[in-house]
Amino acid sequence: MRTRRAVLALSAGSICLAGCGAPGSGSDSGLTIEAADATAAPGGTAGIEVQASSVGVLTWQLAEIPENWQVTHEGFEPEPTVVRESYPPELVWDPVADSVTGNLTVAVPDGAAPGEYILAVDAGTDTSDERVVSEATVTVEA
């Protein structure tokens, strides 16, 4: 015989698991983000292609990329309705865009050490706390 406490515990566990998913995998709302890996030599640039769906706001963070490296955005279709110059910078679409593509360009300084660096790209609807993340690897070659 199940007790009320056992039924409540099982229900709570099911609710907690209902929202689980892998980063970048999207959700019931269709929110997704994919950022492609890129390679550059010191003194060059790495172009990261970004594709997102059902997105209202897109940001990026220098997860493992040194703070003095510059990251710029270009060629987003459709163009964002607002660009918030903050940290992290935010590209905003109002209303939410069904599909967005564009590029983030990482300027790799002349003295950059060879290796792999991570740029985290984050998307949300801006109307809820729902977020998805995709990590792009920037490989600096010697």
N, C-alpha and C. Protein backbone atom coordinates (compact mmCIF):
# COMPACT_ATOMS: atom_id res chain seq x y z
N MET A 1 0.84 -1.17 0.00
CA MET A 1 0.00 0.00 0.00
C MET A 1 0.89 1.24 0.00
N ARG A 2 0.61 2.15 -0.90
CA ARG A 2 1.37 3.39 -0.98
C ARG A 2 0.82 4.40 0.00
N THR A 3 1.74 5.09 0.62
CA THR A 3 1.31 6.17 1.51
C THR A 3 1.29 7.47 0.72
N ARG A 4 0.63 8.44 1.28
CA ARG A 4 0.54 9.75 0.64
C ARG A 4 1.93 10.36 0.47
N ARG A 5 2.80 10.17 1.46
CA ARG A 5 4.15 10.72 1.40
C ARG A 5 4.93 10.09 0.24
N ALA A 6 4.81 8.79 0.03
CA ALA A 6 5.52 8.11 -1.05
C ALA A 6 5.02 8.60 -2.41
N VAL A 7 3.73 8.78 -2.55
CA VAL A 7 3.17 9.27 -3.81
C VAL A 7 3.66 10.68 -4.09
N LEU A 8 3.69 11.55 -3.07
CA LEU A 8 4.18 12.92 -3.25
C LEU A 8 5.65 12.93 -3.62
N ALA A 9 6.45 12.07 -3.02
CA ALA A 9 7.88 12.00 -3.32
C ALA A 9 8.10 11.57 -4.77
N LEU A 10 7.35 10.57 -5.23
CA LEU A 10 7.46 10.11 -6.61
C LEU A 10 7.04 11.20 -7.58
N SER A 11 5.98 11.92 -7.27
CA SER A 11 5.51 13.01 -8.14
C SER A 11 6.54 14.11 -8.23
N ALA A 12 7.14 14.49 -7.11
CA ALA A 12 8.16 15.54 -7.10
C ALA A 12 9.36 15.14 -7.93
N GLY A 13 9.78 13.89 -7.84
CA GLY A 13 10.91 13.40 -8.62
C GLY A 13 10.62 13.43 -10.10
N SER A 14 9.41 13.08 -10.49
CA SER A 14 9.03 13.10 -11.90
C SER A 14 9.02 14.52 -12.44
N ILE A 15 8.55 15.47 -11.65
CA ILE A 15 8.51 16.86 -12.08
C ILE A 15 9.93 17.38 -12.25
N CYS A 16 10.84 17.06 -11.31
CA CYS A 16 12.22 17.51 -11.40
C CYS A 16 12.90 16.99 -12.67
N LEU A 17 12.65 15.75 -13.04
CA LEU A 17 13.28 15.16 -14.21
C LEU A 17 12.67 15.63 -15.52
N ALA A 18 11.48 16.17 -15.47
CA ALA A 18 10.79 16.56 -16.70
C ALA A 18 11.55 17.61 -17.48
N GLY A 19 12.29 18.50 -16.84
CA GLY A 19 13.00 19.56 -17.54
C GLY A 19 14.43 19.22 -17.90
N CYS A 20 14.89 18.01 -17.64
CA CYS A 20 16.28 17.66 -17.89
C CYS A 20 16.53 17.51 -19.38
N GLY A 21 17.73 17.89 -19.80
CA GLY A 21 18.13 17.73 -21.19
C GLY A 21 19.56 18.18 -21.35
N ALA A 22 20.18 17.81 -22.45
CA ALA A 22 21.57 18.17 -22.70
C ALA A 22 21.66 19.62 -23.13
N PRO A 23 22.78 20.32 -22.82
CA PRO A 23 22.94 21.69 -23.27
C PRO A 23 22.85 21.76 -24.78
N GLY A 24 22.17 22.80 -25.27
CA GLY A 24 22.05 22.98 -26.70
C GLY A 24 21.02 22.08 -27.34
N SER A 25 20.39 21.22 -26.56
CA SER A 25 19.47 20.25 -27.16
C SER A 25 18.09 20.82 -27.40
N GLY A 26 17.79 21.99 -26.83
CA GLY A 26 16.49 22.58 -27.05
C GLY A 26 15.49 22.14 -26.01
N SER A 27 14.22 22.45 -26.29
CA SER A 27 13.18 22.18 -25.33
C SER A 27 11.85 22.07 -26.04
N ASP A 28 10.78 22.03 -25.25
CA ASP A 28 9.45 21.97 -25.84
C ASP A 28 9.13 23.22 -26.65
N SER A 29 9.76 24.37 -26.32
CA SER A 29 9.48 25.62 -27.02
C SER A 29 10.21 25.69 -28.36
N GLY A 30 11.15 24.78 -28.62
CA GLY A 30 11.90 24.80 -29.86
C GLY A 30 13.19 25.60 -29.77
N LEU A 31 13.54 26.10 -28.61
CA LEU A 31 14.76 26.88 -28.41
C LEU A 31 15.98 25.99 -28.58
N THR A 32 16.86 26.33 -29.55
CA THR A 32 18.09 25.58 -29.76
C THR A 32 19.21 26.55 -30.12
N ILE A 33 20.46 26.10 -29.94
CA ILE A 33 21.64 26.88 -30.34
C ILE A 33 22.75 25.92 -30.72
N GLU A 34 23.46 26.22 -31.78
CA GLU A 34 24.63 25.44 -32.20
C GLU A 34 25.70 26.43 -32.65
N ALA A 35 26.90 26.30 -32.07
CA ALA A 35 28.04 27.12 -32.45
C ALA A 35 29.14 26.19 -32.96
N ALA A 36 29.66 26.48 -34.16
CA ALA A 36 30.65 25.61 -34.79
C ALA A 36 32.06 25.94 -34.29
N ASP A 37 32.92 24.93 -34.26
CA ASP A 37 34.32 25.12 -33.89
C ASP A 37 35.05 25.87 -35.00
N ALA A 38 36.19 26.51 -34.63
CA ALA A 38 36.95 27.28 -35.61
C ALA A 38 38.45 27.17 -35.29
N THR A 39 39.28 27.46 -36.30
CA THR A 39 40.73 27.40 -36.15
C THR A 39 41.33 28.70 -36.67
N ALA A 40 42.40 29.16 -35.99
CA ALA A 40 43.09 30.37 -36.42
C ALA A 40 44.55 30.29 -35.99
N ALA A 41 45.38 31.08 -36.65
CA ALA A 41 46.78 31.22 -36.26
C ALA A 41 46.90 32.48 -35.42
N PRO A 42 47.93 32.60 -34.59
CA PRO A 42 48.14 33.85 -33.86
C PRO A 42 48.19 35.03 -34.84
N GLY A 43 47.49 36.11 -34.48
CA GLY A 43 47.40 37.27 -35.35
C GLY A 43 46.24 37.19 -36.34
N GLY A 44 45.53 36.07 -36.37
CA GLY A 44 44.41 35.88 -37.30
C GLY A 44 43.07 35.98 -36.60
N THR A 45 42.04 35.54 -37.29
CA THR A 45 40.69 35.53 -36.72
C THR A 45 40.07 34.16 -36.90
N ALA A 46 39.21 33.81 -35.94
CA ALA A 46 38.46 32.56 -36.00
C ALA A 46 36.99 32.91 -36.16
N GLY A 47 36.37 32.42 -37.22
CA GLY A 47 34.96 32.68 -37.48
C GLY A 47 34.10 31.53 -36.98
N ILE A 48 33.23 31.82 -36.04
CA ILE A 48 32.35 30.80 -35.44
C ILE A 48 30.94 31.00 -36.00
N GLU A 49 30.46 30.01 -36.73
CA GLU A 49 29.10 30.06 -37.27
C GLU A 49 28.12 29.70 -36.17
N VAL A 50 27.05 30.49 -36.06
CA VAL A 50 26.03 30.28 -35.03
C VAL A 50 24.68 30.10 -35.70
N GLN A 51 23.94 29.08 -35.26
CA GLN A 51 22.57 28.86 -35.72
C GLN A 51 21.70 28.67 -34.49
N ALA A 52 20.56 29.37 -34.46
CA ALA A 52 19.66 29.25 -33.32
C ALA A 52 18.23 29.26 -33.82
N SER A 53 17.33 28.69 -33.02
CA SER A 53 15.91 28.73 -33.36
C SER A 53 15.11 29.12 -32.13
N SER A 54 13.99 29.78 -32.37
CA SER A 54 13.09 30.26 -31.31
C SER A 54 13.86 31.09 -30.28
N VAL A 55 14.71 31.99 -30.78
CA VAL A 55 15.60 32.76 -29.92
C VAL A 55 15.13 34.21 -29.78
N GLY A 56 15.22 34.71 -28.54
CA GLY A 56 14.91 36.11 -28.25
C GLY A 56 16.15 36.88 -27.84
N VAL A 57 17.12 36.19 -27.24
CA VAL A 57 18.36 36.83 -26.82
C VAL A 57 19.52 35.85 -26.97
N LEU A 58 20.66 36.36 -27.46
CA LEU A 58 21.84 35.54 -27.65
C LEU A 58 23.03 36.26 -27.01
N THR A 59 23.81 35.54 -26.22
CA THR A 59 24.99 36.12 -25.58
C THR A 59 26.16 35.17 -25.74
N TRP A 60 27.35 35.63 -25.44
CA TRP A 60 28.53 34.78 -25.44
C TRP A 60 29.42 35.18 -24.28
N GLN A 61 30.17 34.20 -23.82
CA GLN A 61 31.06 34.42 -22.68
C GLN A 61 32.43 33.84 -22.97
N LEU A 62 33.44 34.55 -22.52
CA LEU A 62 34.82 34.11 -22.71
C LEU A 62 35.15 33.07 -21.66
N ALA A 63 34.64 31.86 -21.86
CA ALA A 63 34.82 30.79 -20.88
C ALA A 63 36.30 30.53 -20.64
N GLU A 64 37.03 30.19 -21.67
CA GLU A 64 38.46 29.93 -21.56
C GLU A 64 39.28 30.86 -22.45
N ILE A 65 38.61 31.81 -23.08
CA ILE A 65 39.30 32.75 -23.95
C ILE A 65 39.76 33.93 -23.11
N PRO A 66 41.06 34.32 -23.22
CA PRO A 66 41.54 35.46 -22.44
C PRO A 66 40.72 36.73 -22.67
N GLU A 67 40.57 37.52 -21.62
CA GLU A 67 39.73 38.72 -21.67
C GLU A 67 40.17 39.73 -22.71
N ASN A 68 41.46 39.76 -23.05
CA ASN A 68 41.92 40.76 -24.01
C ASN A 68 41.65 40.38 -25.47
N TRP A 69 41.12 39.18 -25.71
CA TRP A 69 40.75 38.80 -27.06
C TRP A 69 39.41 39.45 -27.40
N GLN A 70 39.29 40.00 -28.58
CA GLN A 70 38.06 40.66 -29.01
C GLN A 70 37.13 39.67 -29.73
N VAL A 71 35.85 39.72 -29.35
CA VAL A 71 34.83 38.91 -30.02
C VAL A 71 33.80 39.89 -30.58
N THR A 72 33.54 39.79 -31.88
CA THR A 72 32.55 40.67 -32.52
C THR A 72 31.49 39.81 -33.21
N HIS A 73 30.35 40.40 -33.46
CA HIS A 73 29.26 39.71 -34.15
C HIS A 73 29.04 40.37 -35.51
N GLU A 74 28.65 39.55 -36.49
CA GLU A 74 28.40 40.10 -37.83
C GLU A 74 27.52 39.16 -38.63
N GLY A 75 26.80 39.74 -39.57
CA GLY A 75 26.03 38.96 -40.53
C GLY A 75 24.87 38.17 -39.97
N PHE A 76 24.30 38.61 -38.84
CA PHE A 76 23.16 37.86 -38.30
C PHE A 76 21.91 38.16 -39.12
N GLU A 77 21.23 37.09 -39.52
CA GLU A 77 19.98 37.16 -40.28
C GLU A 77 18.91 36.42 -39.52
N PRO A 78 17.80 37.01 -39.19
CA PRO A 78 17.57 38.45 -39.33
C PRO A 78 18.45 39.23 -38.37
N GLU A 79 18.61 40.53 -38.67
CA GLU A 79 19.40 41.37 -37.79
C GLU A 79 18.70 41.50 -36.44
N PRO A 80 19.48 41.58 -35.35
CA PRO A 80 18.84 41.77 -34.04
C PRO A 80 18.15 43.13 -34.00
N THR A 81 17.06 43.20 -33.25
CA THR A 81 16.35 44.47 -33.11
C THR A 81 17.06 45.41 -32.15
N VAL A 82 17.84 44.84 -31.21
CA VAL A 82 18.60 45.62 -30.24
C VAL A 82 19.91 44.89 -29.97
N VAL A 83 20.99 45.66 -29.80
CA VAL A 83 22.26 45.12 -29.34
C VAL A 83 22.57 45.81 -28.02
N ARG A 84 22.60 45.02 -26.95
CA ARG A 84 22.89 45.56 -25.62
C ARG A 84 24.40 45.45 -25.39
N GLU A 85 25.06 46.60 -25.30
CA GLU A 85 26.51 46.63 -25.05
C GLU A 85 26.75 46.45 -23.56
N SER A 86 26.81 45.22 -23.13
CA SER A 86 27.01 44.88 -21.72
C SER A 86 27.98 43.72 -21.67
N TYR A 87 28.25 43.21 -20.47
CA TYR A 87 29.02 41.97 -20.40
C TYR A 87 28.17 40.92 -19.73
N PRO A 88 27.88 39.85 -20.37
CA PRO A 88 28.24 39.61 -21.76
C PRO A 88 27.35 40.43 -22.69
N PRO A 89 27.86 40.73 -23.91
CA PRO A 89 27.02 41.44 -24.88
C PRO A 89 25.78 40.63 -25.20
N GLU A 90 24.70 41.31 -25.56
CA GLU A 90 23.45 40.60 -25.89
C GLU A 90 22.90 41.09 -27.22
N LEU A 91 22.54 40.12 -28.05
CA LEU A 91 21.80 40.40 -29.28
C LEU A 91 20.36 40.03 -28.97
N VAL A 92 19.42 40.94 -29.27
CA VAL A 92 18.02 40.74 -28.89
C VAL A 92 17.13 40.77 -30.13
N TRP A 93 16.21 39.81 -30.21
CA TRP A 93 15.19 39.79 -31.26
C TRP A 93 13.84 39.92 -30.60
N ASP A 94 13.08 40.94 -31.00
CA ASP A 94 11.74 41.16 -30.46
C ASP A 94 10.82 41.48 -31.62
N PRO A 95 9.95 40.56 -31.96
CA PRO A 95 9.58 39.32 -31.28
C PRO A 95 10.64 38.24 -31.49
N VAL A 96 10.45 37.13 -30.78
CA VAL A 96 11.36 35.98 -30.87
C VAL A 96 11.48 35.54 -32.33
N ALA A 97 12.71 35.30 -32.78
CA ALA A 97 12.97 34.88 -34.16
C ALA A 97 12.87 33.36 -34.27
N ASP A 98 12.18 32.89 -35.31
CA ASP A 98 12.05 31.45 -35.55
C ASP A 98 13.41 30.82 -35.83
N SER A 99 14.24 31.51 -36.65
CA SER A 99 15.53 30.97 -37.04
C SER A 99 16.52 32.12 -37.19
N VAL A 100 17.73 31.96 -36.64
CA VAL A 100 18.77 32.99 -36.68
C VAL A 100 20.08 32.33 -37.09
N THR A 101 20.82 32.97 -38.00
CA THR A 101 22.17 32.53 -38.35
C THR A 101 23.08 33.75 -38.35
N GLY A 102 24.34 33.54 -38.06
CA GLY A 102 25.31 34.63 -38.07
C GLY A 102 26.67 34.13 -37.65
N ASN A 103 27.59 35.07 -37.46
CA ASN A 103 28.96 34.73 -37.12
C ASN A 103 29.46 35.53 -35.93
N LEU A 104 30.24 34.86 -35.10
CA LEU A 104 31.02 35.51 -34.06
C LEU A 104 32.47 35.39 -34.50
N THR A 105 33.19 36.50 -34.50
CA THR A 105 34.57 36.50 -34.93
C THR A 105 35.47 36.75 -33.72
N VAL A 106 36.42 35.85 -33.50
CA VAL A 106 37.37 35.97 -32.40
C VAL A 106 38.71 36.41 -32.98
N ALA A 107 39.19 37.59 -32.54
CA ALA A 107 40.50 38.09 -32.96
C ALA A 107 41.56 37.48 -32.05
N VAL A 108 42.43 36.66 -32.64
CA VAL A 108 43.48 35.98 -31.88
C VAL A 108 44.74 36.86 -31.92
N PRO A 109 45.22 37.34 -30.76
CA PRO A 109 46.40 38.22 -30.74
C PRO A 109 47.66 37.53 -31.28
N ASP A 110 48.63 38.34 -31.69
CA ASP A 110 49.90 37.82 -32.23
C ASP A 110 50.60 36.87 -31.27
N GLY A 111 50.59 37.16 -29.99
CA GLY A 111 51.33 36.34 -29.03
C GLY A 111 50.53 35.22 -28.40
N ALA A 112 49.39 34.86 -28.97
CA ALA A 112 48.52 33.82 -28.39
C ALA A 112 49.23 32.47 -28.37
N ALA A 113 49.10 31.78 -27.26
CA ALA A 113 49.69 30.45 -27.14
C ALA A 113 48.85 29.44 -27.92
N PRO A 114 49.51 28.51 -28.61
CA PRO A 114 48.75 27.45 -29.29
C PRO A 114 47.94 26.64 -28.28
N GLY A 115 46.79 26.16 -28.71
CA GLY A 115 45.94 25.35 -27.85
C GLY A 115 44.48 25.51 -28.21
N GLU A 116 43.62 24.97 -27.36
CA GLU A 116 42.17 25.04 -27.57
C GLU A 116 41.55 25.93 -26.51
N TYR A 117 40.66 26.80 -26.96
CA TYR A 117 39.98 27.76 -26.10
C TYR A 117 38.48 27.63 -26.33
N ILE A 118 37.67 27.78 -25.28
CA ILE A 118 36.22 27.60 -25.38
C ILE A 118 35.51 28.94 -25.35
N LEU A 119 34.56 29.13 -26.27
CA LEU A 119 33.66 30.28 -26.27
C LEU A 119 32.26 29.71 -26.06
N ALA A 120 31.61 30.08 -24.95
CA ALA A 120 30.26 29.60 -24.65
C ALA A 120 29.24 30.57 -25.26
N VAL A 121 28.33 30.03 -26.06
CA VAL A 121 27.27 30.83 -26.69
C VAL A 121 25.95 30.39 -26.08
N ASP A 122 25.20 31.37 -25.58
CA ASP A 122 24.00 31.13 -24.78
C ASP A 122 22.79 31.76 -25.46
N ALA A 123 21.68 31.05 -25.53
CA ALA A 123 20.45 31.58 -26.12
C ALA A 123 19.29 31.41 -25.16
N GLY A 124 18.35 32.32 -25.25
CA GLY A 124 17.14 32.26 -24.44
C GLY A 124 15.99 32.92 -25.18
N THR A 125 14.81 32.81 -24.59
CA THR A 125 13.64 33.43 -25.20
C THR A 125 13.44 34.86 -24.72
N ASP A 126 14.05 35.23 -23.61
CA ASP A 126 13.94 36.54 -22.96
C ASP A 126 12.57 36.74 -22.32
N THR A 127 11.71 35.73 -22.38
CA THR A 127 10.42 35.83 -21.71
C THR A 127 10.30 34.80 -20.59
N SER A 128 11.34 33.98 -20.45
CA SER A 128 11.36 32.97 -19.39
C SER A 128 12.79 32.75 -18.96
N ASP A 129 12.99 31.91 -17.99
CA ASP A 129 14.33 31.58 -17.52
C ASP A 129 14.97 30.49 -18.37
N GLU A 130 14.29 30.03 -19.38
CA GLU A 130 14.80 28.95 -20.22
C GLU A 130 16.03 29.41 -21.01
N ARG A 131 17.13 28.65 -20.92
CA ARG A 131 18.37 28.95 -21.62
C ARG A 131 18.96 27.66 -22.18
N VAL A 132 19.67 27.76 -23.30
CA VAL A 132 20.44 26.65 -23.85
C VAL A 132 21.83 27.19 -24.19
N VAL A 133 22.85 26.32 -24.11
CA VAL A 133 24.23 26.73 -24.33
C VAL A 133 24.90 25.79 -25.32
N SER A 134 25.73 26.36 -26.18
CA SER A 134 26.58 25.58 -27.07
C SER A 134 28.01 26.12 -26.90
N GLU A 135 28.98 25.23 -26.82
CA GLU A 135 30.37 25.64 -26.66
C GLU A 135 31.12 25.43 -27.96
N ALA A 136 31.77 26.51 -28.44
CA ALA A 136 32.60 26.44 -29.63
C ALA A 136 34.06 26.37 -29.19
N THR A 137 34.82 25.48 -29.80
CA THR A 137 36.24 25.38 -29.52
C THR A 137 37.01 26.17 -30.57
N VAL A 138 37.83 27.12 -30.09
CA VAL A 138 38.71 27.89 -30.97
C VAL A 138 40.10 27.27 -30.82
N THR A 139 40.59 26.69 -31.89
CA THR A 139 41.91 26.07 -31.89
C THR A 139 42.91 27.06 -32.46
N VAL A 140 43.93 27.39 -31.67
CA VAL A 140 45.01 28.27 -32.13
C VAL A 140 46.18 27.37 -32.50
N GLU A 141 46.56 27.47 -33.78
CA GLU A 141 47.66 26.64 -34.30
C GLU A 141 48.98 27.40 -34.20
N ALA A 142 50.05 26.67 -34.03
CA ALA A 142 51.38 27.29 -33.94
C ALA A 142 51.82 27.81 -35.30
